[in-house]
Amino acid sequence: MDISYWYDLSDRVTDLENKVNGESDSELTKERKISSFHSTYLKNGQKSSEQSVVYSEEEKKDISKTSEYTYDRLGRITQEK
């Protein structure tokens, strides 16, 4: 498995991508993305949203989910939608 990370200027992970190599000899040079994540942050450093894309072997397609976060005054997550 190969994992790649991308960072913003504040050294926070903004993107992450997981790939695997092919399983047979003829596929060894092919990489296949199995999941990826993209995060955005508020000015205070808290995560404001995250988009994930995960490949489903069972359904043979990508499954996407986007989450947005709300915080209270103490910085605790109060809502994820």
Protein backbone atom coordinates (compact mmCIF):
# COMPACT_ATOMS: atom_id res chain seq x y z
CA MET A 1 0.00 0.00 0.00
CA ASP A 2 1.21 3.47 -0.85
CA ILE A 3 -0.06 6.41 1.22
CA SER A 4 0.46 10.00 0.08
CA TYR A 5 -0.10 13.10 2.22
CA TRP A 6 -0.44 16.79 1.26
CA TYR A 7 -0.18 19.64 3.77
CA ASP A 8 -1.18 23.30 3.95
CA LEU A 9 1.13 26.11 5.06
CA SER A 10 0.14 25.47 8.69
CA ASP A 11 1.37 21.85 8.37
CA ARG A 12 -2.14 20.36 8.57
CA VAL A 13 -3.01 17.36 6.41
CA THR A 14 -5.32 18.60 3.66
CA ASP A 15 -5.31 15.53 1.43
CA LEU A 16 -4.54 11.86 1.86
CA GLU A 17 -4.60 9.13 -0.78
CA ASN A 18 -4.26 5.35 -0.38
CA LYS A 19 -3.24 3.20 -3.33
CA VAL A 20 -2.46 -0.47 -3.77
CA ASN A 21 -0.49 -2.26 -6.47
CA GLY A 22 -2.12 -4.82 -8.75
CA GLU A 23 -2.48 -8.34 -7.41
CA SER A 24 -1.37 -10.31 -10.49
CA ASP A 25 1.96 -10.18 -12.34
CA SER A 26 0.35 -8.35 -15.25
CA GLU A 27 -1.04 -5.70 -12.88
CA LEU A 28 2.08 -5.08 -10.78
CA THR A 29 2.80 -1.77 -12.47
CA LYS A 30 -0.79 -0.56 -12.08
CA GLU A 31 -1.77 1.35 -8.97
CA ARG A 32 -5.37 1.54 -7.88
CA LYS A 33 -6.72 4.22 -5.55
CA ILE A 34 -8.72 2.65 -2.72
CA SER A 35 -9.50 5.79 -0.72
CA SER A 36 -8.88 9.52 -0.54
CA PHE A 37 -9.66 12.27 1.94
CA HIS A 38 -9.77 16.06 1.64
CA SER A 39 -10.04 18.35 4.69
CA THR A 40 -10.65 22.07 5.07
CA TYR A 41 -9.92 24.07 8.21
CA LEU A 42 -11.17 27.16 9.99
CA LYS A 43 -8.77 30.03 10.74
CA ASN A 44 -8.41 28.77 14.32
CA GLY A 45 -7.16 25.39 13.06
CA GLN A 46 -10.29 23.33 13.68
CA LYS A 47 -11.42 21.06 10.87
CA SER A 48 -14.46 22.55 9.13
CA SER A 49 -15.16 19.75 6.66
CA GLU A 50 -13.89 16.46 5.31
CA GLN A 51 -14.70 14.68 2.09
CA SER A 52 -13.92 10.97 1.86
CA VAL A 53 -14.05 8.70 -1.15
CA VAL A 54 -13.67 4.97 -0.52
CA TYR A 55 -13.74 2.29 -3.19
CA SER A 56 -16.25 -0.48 -2.42
CA GLU A 57 -15.11 -3.88 -3.67
CA GLU A 58 -18.61 -5.22 -3.10
CA GLU A 59 -20.35 -2.51 -5.11
CA LYS A 60 -17.45 -1.98 -7.57
CA LYS A 61 -17.68 1.80 -7.25
CA ASP A 62 -16.53 4.77 -5.19
CA ILE A 63 -18.60 5.77 -2.17
CA SER A 64 -18.41 9.49 -1.26
CA LYS A 65 -19.21 11.16 2.04
CA THR A 66 -18.87 14.80 3.04
CA SER A 67 -18.96 15.89 6.69
CA GLU A 68 -19.16 19.43 8.04
CA TYR A 69 -18.36 20.20 11.68
CA THR A 70 -19.77 22.70 14.17
CA TYR A 71 -18.00 23.52 17.45
CA ASP A 72 -18.98 24.99 20.80
CA ARG A 73 -17.05 27.77 22.57
CA LEU A 74 -14.72 25.22 24.19
CA GLY A 75 -13.72 23.83 20.79
CA ARG A 76 -15.66 20.57 21.08
CA ILE A 77 -17.52 19.18 18.09
CA THR A 78 -21.24 19.68 18.68
CA GLN A 79 -22.56 18.67 15.28
CA GLU A 80 -21.47 16.67 12.28
CA LYS A 81 -23.62 16.88 9.18
